[in-house]
Amino acid sequence: MKAVRILTRVLIYVLALAAVSVLLIAASGADPVSALGIFVNGIFGNKNSFCEIFVKGTPLILTGLACALAFRTGFFNIGTEGQFYIGAMAAAAVSLRCTFLPPVLRVVGAFIIGFLAGGLWSLIAAGMKLRFNISEIIVTIMLNYIAINFVGVAVHSFLQDPASGLPQSERLAAEVTLPRIVSGTRLHIGFFIALALVVLIWFILEKTTWGYEMRLVGLNPRAAEVNGISVAGGVVRAAMLSGGLAGLAGVIELMAIQKKLLEGFSADCGYTGVLIALLAANRPELVPVAALLYAAAQVGAAAMQRQANVPSSMVSILIGCIVIMLLARAWLSGRVSRRGKQRV
């Protein structure tokens, strides 16, 4: 019966989204049937477009995982965009300035320093939450702007490529970039690193005492404190892990796709990670599904824009509709539950 309810709910969502999609396509002046055909063909039409789903999905998996972990443990991290940039900047500094190290050590060092940089950037908000009771939502949002502009300063000064004079770093040497795994496409090994991190975070949250304590702090800080669990420790661990994952998203995007540090290269992966976490109900094992579906929608929408002149921003509208439906369902479930308790 539970499976039937889930399938029914999914079918309702799909039908509602299909109806909204048809209306949006028709409003843009295109034929809905033809445009949807282009959408599907844009995803599955060739090897390159299909692999682009995993390329675009990789940073979304990591930022979505970062947000899901933070929300699940009571640390409302909205700063993954800034942590993404800080991680990428730290990785660029290691890759470009530590040339005295062998390439393998530079790659490993870039990952470690990128993780630590993102985590420490997140810890600023955690410290202000614990010390001054300032909302981490506000602090992490403000830190996004600081981080983005900090990267802007870096590519205009100490990380700028002196040969070009443009606001960008030097191109990473081939030996310190991540290899591609399918010829003729941009699909790289970072996708499998992201999946491995999903498994690791799921295991930590669901199968370890450390993860149980973090989840309890998120569910009920008072109960955690009564049971001898350090609330401050849980917040610090959640912030460090969440920020570190977002930092790794920036590291992988830098070393696998961009191969140089640029202004505005994240394409809002950090902000989209919040949506991915909501779509996945903050469950790490569902984050890759939500991220890849979102990435597939982006790839298909880009094809529709090129061939049918349908704005690709339609994807953002559809995702917004999904989030509204999920929030509405949670609100209605809460009202039904409260009424049931009142009757009892």
Protein backbone atom coordinates (compact mmCIF):
# COMPACT_ATOMS: atom_id res chain seq x y z
CA MET A 1 0.00 0.00 0.00
CA LYS A 2 2.84 2.37 0.78
CA ALA A 3 4.34 1.78 -2.68
CA VAL A 4 0.96 2.50 -4.27
CA ARG A 5 0.68 5.79 -2.36
CA ILE A 6 4.17 6.83 -3.42
CA LEU A 7 3.52 5.97 -7.07
CA THR A 8 0.21 7.84 -6.97
CA ARG A 9 1.89 10.90 -5.49
CA VAL A 10 4.67 10.80 -8.11
CA LEU A 11 2.10 10.45 -10.89
CA ILE A 12 0.21 13.50 -9.63
CA TYR A 13 3.43 15.54 -9.56
CA VAL A 14 4.39 14.40 -13.07
CA LEU A 15 0.96 15.24 -14.50
CA ALA A 16 0.96 18.64 -12.82
CA LEU A 17 4.43 19.44 -14.12
CA ALA A 18 3.52 18.22 -17.61
CA ALA A 19 0.52 20.55 -17.64
CA VAL A 20 2.63 23.51 -16.50
CA SER A 21 5.30 22.65 -19.11
CA VAL A 22 2.75 22.57 -21.93
CA LEU A 23 1.36 25.94 -20.85
CA LEU A 24 4.82 27.53 -20.66
CA ILE A 25 5.86 26.16 -24.06
CA ALA A 26 2.61 27.32 -25.65
CA ALA A 27 3.05 30.76 -24.06
CA SER A 28 6.47 31.04 -25.72
CA GLY A 29 4.85 30.51 -29.12
CA ALA A 30 6.25 27.02 -29.79
CA ASP A 31 4.46 23.76 -30.55
CA PRO A 32 4.40 21.76 -27.26
CA VAL A 33 4.65 18.34 -28.92
CA SER A 34 7.60 19.36 -31.10
CA ALA A 35 9.34 21.18 -28.24
CA LEU A 36 9.00 18.23 -25.86
CA GLY A 37 10.39 15.98 -28.58
CA ILE A 38 13.41 18.28 -28.85
CA PHE A 39 13.69 18.22 -25.04
CA VAL A 40 13.89 14.41 -24.92
CA ASN A 41 16.22 14.23 -27.93
CA GLY A 42 18.42 16.87 -26.35
CA ILE A 43 18.96 14.55 -23.40
CA PHE A 44 19.28 11.17 -25.13
CA GLY A 45 20.08 12.20 -28.71
CA ASN A 46 23.83 11.62 -28.56
CA LYS A 47 26.65 10.53 -26.28
CA ASN A 48 27.88 14.03 -25.55
CA SER A 49 24.51 15.44 -24.48
CA PHE A 50 23.79 12.40 -22.30
CA CYS A 51 27.19 12.68 -20.57
CA GLU A 52 26.54 16.39 -19.97
CA ILE A 53 23.88 15.34 -17.46
CA PHE A 54 26.56 13.81 -15.25
CA VAL A 55 28.95 16.73 -15.85
CA LYS A 56 26.35 19.29 -14.74
CA GLY A 57 25.09 16.99 -12.01
CA THR A 58 28.46 16.49 -10.29
CA PRO A 59 28.72 19.89 -8.52
CA LEU A 60 24.99 19.77 -7.78
CA ILE A 61 25.39 16.40 -6.06
CA LEU A 62 28.06 17.84 -3.77
CA THR A 63 26.34 21.15 -2.98
CA GLY A 64 23.01 19.34 -2.54
CA LEU A 65 24.70 16.83 -0.24
CA ALA A 66 26.26 19.70 1.72
CA CYS A 67 22.86 21.34 2.24
CA ALA A 68 21.09 18.05 3.01
CA LEU A 69 23.64 17.17 5.70
CA ALA A 70 23.46 20.65 7.23
CA PHE A 71 19.65 20.82 7.25
CA ARG A 72 19.41 17.29 8.65
CA THR A 73 21.66 18.22 11.56
CA GLY A 74 20.08 21.57 12.41
CA PHE A 75 22.67 23.87 10.82
CA PHE A 76 20.85 25.85 8.12
CA ASN A 77 23.71 26.41 5.72
CA ILE A 78 22.68 28.71 2.86
CA GLY A 79 26.30 29.57 2.16
CA THR A 80 27.35 26.71 -0.13
CA GLU A 81 27.84 29.18 -2.99
CA GLY A 82 30.53 31.03 -1.06
CA GLN A 83 32.08 27.81 0.23
CA PHE A 84 32.20 26.55 -3.39
CA TYR A 85 34.24 29.62 -4.39
CA ILE A 86 36.53 29.48 -1.37
CA GLY A 87 37.29 25.79 -1.98
CA ALA A 88 38.05 26.46 -5.65
CA MET A 89 40.29 29.41 -4.81
CA ALA A 90 42.25 27.39 -2.25
CA ALA A 91 42.67 24.54 -4.74
CA ALA A 92 43.86 26.97 -7.43
CA ALA A 93 46.44 28.43 -5.05
CA VAL A 94 47.82 24.97 -4.23
CA SER A 95 47.81 23.79 -7.84
CA LEU A 96 49.44 26.92 -9.25
CA ARG A 97 51.81 27.99 -6.47
CA CYS A 98 53.06 24.70 -4.99
CA THR A 99 54.94 23.67 -8.12
CA PHE A 100 57.79 22.31 -5.96
CA LEU A 101 55.51 19.36 -5.11
CA PRO A 102 54.98 16.33 -7.41
CA PRO A 103 51.72 16.52 -9.42
CA VAL A 104 50.04 13.75 -7.39
CA LEU A 105 50.71 15.56 -4.13
CA ARG A 106 49.42 18.80 -5.60
CA VAL A 107 46.16 17.13 -6.60
CA VAL A 108 45.74 15.50 -3.19
CA GLY A 109 46.74 18.75 -1.49
CA ALA A 110 44.22 20.72 -3.56
CA PHE A 111 41.43 18.40 -2.43
CA ILE A 112 42.46 18.54 1.23
CA ILE A 113 43.00 22.31 1.31
CA GLY A 114 39.80 22.92 -0.69
CA PHE A 115 37.80 20.84 1.80
CA LEU A 116 39.36 22.58 4.80
CA ALA A 117 38.89 26.03 3.27
CA GLY A 118 35.19 25.44 2.60
CA GLY A 119 34.71 23.94 6.05
CA LEU A 120 36.48 26.75 7.86
CA TRP A 121 34.49 29.34 5.91
CA SER A 122 31.32 27.61 7.12
CA LEU A 123 32.67 27.53 10.69
CA ILE A 124 32.54 31.33 10.79
CA ALA A 125 28.74 31.11 10.77
CA ALA A 126 28.75 28.23 13.24
CA GLY A 127 30.92 30.21 15.65
CA MET A 128 28.66 33.26 15.46
CA LYS A 129 25.61 31.04 16.00
CA LEU A 130 27.11 29.40 19.08
CA ARG A 131 28.83 32.45 20.59
CA PHE A 132 26.36 35.25 19.81
CA ASN A 133 23.19 33.33 18.85
CA ILE A 134 23.19 34.99 15.40
CA SER A 135 21.20 33.16 12.75
CA GLU A 136 23.46 31.09 10.52
CA ILE A 137 21.06 31.70 7.63
CA ILE A 138 21.86 35.43 7.62
CA VAL A 139 25.58 34.93 8.22
CA THR A 140 26.05 32.30 5.50
CA ILE A 141 24.17 34.42 2.96
CA MET A 142 26.38 37.41 3.73
CA LEU A 143 29.49 35.23 3.56
CA ASN A 144 28.49 34.23 0.02
CA TYR A 145 28.97 37.81 -1.18
CA ILE A 146 32.26 38.16 0.68
CA ALA A 147 33.61 34.92 -0.81
CA ILE A 148 32.54 35.76 -4.36
CA ASN A 149 34.17 39.18 -4.15
CA PHE A 150 37.24 37.71 -2.47
CA VAL A 151 37.71 35.45 -5.51
CA GLY A 152 37.27 38.56 -7.68
CA VAL A 153 40.11 40.23 -5.80
CA ALA A 154 42.26 37.09 -6.13
CA VAL A 155 41.95 36.87 -9.92
CA HIS A 156 42.79 40.57 -10.19
CA SER A 157 45.86 40.28 -7.97
CA PHE A 158 47.79 37.36 -6.44
CA LEU A 159 46.21 34.63 -8.61
CA GLN A 160 45.94 36.60 -11.84
CA ASP A 161 47.59 35.23 -14.96
CA PRO A 162 50.32 37.80 -15.70
CA ALA A 163 50.46 36.77 -19.36
CA SER A 164 46.83 37.61 -20.16
CA GLY A 165 45.99 40.54 -17.90
CA LEU A 166 42.40 39.25 -17.74
CA PRO A 167 40.59 38.60 -14.42
CA GLN A 168 41.48 34.92 -14.36
CA SER A 169 44.22 32.66 -13.09
CA GLU A 170 46.74 30.77 -15.15
CA ARG A 171 45.51 27.55 -16.71
CA LEU A 172 46.18 24.49 -14.58
CA ALA A 173 48.86 22.15 -15.87
CA ALA A 174 47.46 18.98 -17.42
CA GLU A 175 49.04 16.78 -14.74
CA VAL A 176 47.03 18.47 -11.95
CA THR A 177 43.62 18.23 -13.64
CA LEU A 178 41.09 15.42 -13.29
CA PRO A 179 41.01 12.96 -16.20
CA ARG A 180 38.01 12.50 -18.46
CA ILE A 181 36.60 9.00 -18.65
CA VAL A 182 34.55 9.05 -21.88
CA SER A 183 36.31 10.24 -25.03
CA GLY A 184 34.66 13.08 -26.91
CA THR A 185 32.77 14.27 -23.82
CA ARG A 186 33.48 16.29 -20.68
CA LEU A 187 32.55 13.45 -18.30
CA HIS A 188 35.28 13.16 -15.70
CA ILE A 189 36.26 11.07 -12.71
CA GLY A 190 34.90 13.70 -10.34
CA PHE A 191 31.41 12.26 -10.86
CA PHE A 192 32.45 9.02 -9.16
CA ILE A 193 34.21 10.95 -6.39
CA ALA A 194 30.90 12.72 -5.74
CA LEU A 195 29.02 9.40 -5.61
CA ALA A 196 31.61 7.98 -3.20
CA LEU A 197 31.10 10.99 -0.93
CA VAL A 198 27.33 10.42 -1.00
CA VAL A 199 27.88 6.86 0.28
CA LEU A 200 30.32 8.11 2.92
CA ILE A 201 27.97 10.81 4.24
CA TRP A 202 25.02 8.38 4.28
CA PHE A 203 27.12 5.92 6.26
CA ILE A 204 28.25 8.59 8.74
CA LEU A 205 24.72 9.88 9.33
CA GLU A 206 22.92 6.54 9.46
CA LYS A 207 25.44 4.03 10.76
CA THR A 208 27.74 5.82 13.20
CA THR A 209 27.39 7.21 16.70
CA TRP A 210 28.84 10.48 15.44
CA GLY A 211 26.09 10.77 12.83
CA TYR A 212 23.39 9.84 15.33
CA GLU A 213 24.54 12.60 17.66
CA MET A 214 24.51 15.16 14.85
CA ARG A 215 20.99 14.11 13.80
CA LEU A 216 19.76 14.30 17.40
CA VAL A 217 21.20 17.80 17.76
CA GLY A 218 19.27 18.75 14.63
CA LEU A 219 16.02 17.17 15.79
CA ASN A 220 16.04 18.30 19.43
CA PRO A 221 19.03 20.18 20.86
CA ARG A 222 17.55 20.07 24.36
CA ALA A 223 17.15 16.30 24.29
CA ALA A 224 20.72 15.96 22.97
CA GLU A 225 22.06 18.11 25.80
CA VAL A 226 20.13 16.15 28.44
CA ASN A 227 21.63 12.93 27.08
CA GLY A 228 25.14 14.28 27.41
CA ILE A 229 25.68 15.11 23.73
CA SER A 230 27.54 18.33 23.00
CA VAL A 231 25.27 20.60 20.96
CA ALA A 232 28.20 22.87 20.10
CA GLY A 233 30.20 19.87 18.94
CA GLY A 234 27.35 18.70 16.72
CA VAL A 235 26.97 22.13 15.13
CA VAL A 236 30.73 22.44 14.53
CA ARG A 237 30.94 18.99 12.92
CA ALA A 238 27.92 19.66 10.72
CA ALA A 239 29.26 23.05 9.62
CA MET A 240 32.72 21.66 8.87
CA LEU A 241 31.44 18.71 6.85
CA SER A 242 28.83 20.75 5.00
CA GLY A 243 31.22 23.55 4.09
CA GLY A 244 33.91 21.05 3.17
CA LEU A 245 31.62 19.24 0.73
CA ALA A 246 30.69 22.52 -0.94
CA GLY A 247 34.38 23.38 -1.11
CA LEU A 248 35.08 20.04 -2.82
CA ALA A 249 32.39 20.88 -5.39
CA GLY A 250 34.44 23.96 -6.27
CA VAL A 251 37.67 21.96 -6.36
CA ILE A 252 36.27 19.39 -8.79
CA GLU A 253 34.66 22.01 -11.03
CA LEU A 254 37.97 23.88 -11.17
CA MET A 255 40.20 20.86 -11.80
CA ALA A 256 37.92 18.98 -14.19
CA ILE A 257 35.94 21.57 -16.19
CA GLN A 258 37.18 25.17 -15.92
CA LYS A 259 40.88 24.43 -15.33
CA LYS A 260 41.40 28.04 -14.32
CA LEU A 261 39.89 30.26 -11.64
CA LEU A 262 37.35 32.72 -13.02
CA GLU A 263 34.79 35.14 -11.69
CA GLY A 264 31.26 33.76 -11.69
CA PHE A 265 32.19 30.24 -12.77
CA SER A 266 29.89 28.39 -10.37
CA ALA A 267 26.69 28.93 -12.41
CA ASP A 268 24.85 29.24 -9.04
CA CYS A 269 25.64 25.61 -8.08
CA GLY A 270 25.66 26.57 -4.42
CA TYR A 271 22.24 28.18 -4.46
CA THR A 272 20.82 25.32 -6.53
CA GLY A 273 22.14 22.89 -3.92
CA VAL A 274 19.49 24.19 -1.52
CA LEU A 275 16.78 23.19 -4.00
CA ILE A 276 18.42 19.80 -4.57
CA ALA A 277 18.40 19.13 -0.82
CA LEU A 278 14.72 20.08 -0.58
CA LEU A 279 13.83 17.85 -3.53
CA ALA A 280 15.73 14.98 -1.90
CA ALA A 281 13.97 15.56 1.45
CA ASN A 282 17.44 16.04 3.01
CA ARG A 283 18.24 12.35 2.44
CA PRO A 284 21.80 11.83 1.15
CA GLU A 285 20.88 8.72 -0.86
CA LEU A 286 18.29 10.69 -2.85
CA VAL A 287 20.53 13.68 -3.57
CA PRO A 288 22.14 12.14 -6.71
CA VAL A 289 18.69 11.34 -8.12
CA ALA A 290 17.44 14.90 -7.59
CA ALA A 291 20.69 16.43 -8.90
CA LEU A 292 20.79 14.32 -12.07
CA LEU A 293 17.11 14.93 -12.83
CA TYR A 294 17.71 18.66 -12.46
CA ALA A 295 20.80 18.44 -14.67
CA ALA A 296 18.85 16.44 -17.28
CA ALA A 297 16.17 19.12 -17.29
CA GLN A 298 18.87 21.76 -17.86
CA VAL A 299 20.36 19.84 -20.79
CA GLY A 300 16.95 19.25 -22.40
CA ALA A 301 15.87 22.86 -21.84
CA ALA A 302 19.08 24.15 -23.45
CA ALA A 303 18.27 22.07 -26.54
CA MET A 304 14.73 23.48 -26.62
CA GLN A 305 16.07 27.01 -26.39
CA ARG A 306 18.49 26.44 -29.27
CA GLN A 307 16.07 24.67 -31.60
CA ALA A 308 12.58 25.83 -30.60
CA ASN A 309 13.30 29.23 -29.03
CA VAL A 310 11.74 28.13 -25.73
CA PRO A 311 13.48 29.92 -22.80
CA SER A 312 15.60 27.54 -20.73
CA SER A 313 14.48 29.45 -17.63
CA MET A 314 11.40 27.25 -17.83
CA VAL A 315 13.38 24.71 -15.77
CA SER A 316 13.64 27.16 -12.86
CA ILE A 317 9.89 27.74 -13.00
CA LEU A 318 9.21 24.00 -12.93
CA ILE A 319 11.59 23.42 -10.03
CA GLY A 320 9.89 26.26 -8.17
CA CYS A 321 6.52 24.57 -8.76
CA ILE A 322 7.89 21.29 -7.38
CA VAL A 323 9.22 22.99 -4.24
CA ILE A 324 5.88 24.75 -3.71
CA MET A 325 4.03 21.43 -4.06
CA LEU A 326 6.37 19.76 -1.56
CA LEU A 327 6.00 22.60 0.93
CA ALA A 328 2.22 22.63 0.48
CA ARG A 329 2.06 18.90 1.10
CA ALA A 330 4.17 19.24 4.27
CA TRP A 331 1.93 22.09 5.47
CA LEU A 332 -1.26 20.10 4.82
CA SER A 333 0.18 17.00 6.50
CA GLY A 334 1.05 19.10 9.54
CA ARG A 335 -2.47 20.54 9.73
CA VAL A 336 -4.05 17.08 9.46
CA SER A 337 -1.73 15.76 12.17
CA ARG A 338 -2.53 18.66 14.52
CA ARG A 339 -6.28 18.24 14.01
CA GLY A 340 -5.97 14.53 14.76
CA LYS A 341 -4.21 15.25 18.04
CA GLN A 342 -6.80 17.86 19.03
CA ARG A 343 -9.63 15.36 18.49
CA VAL A 344 -7.88 12.79 20.62
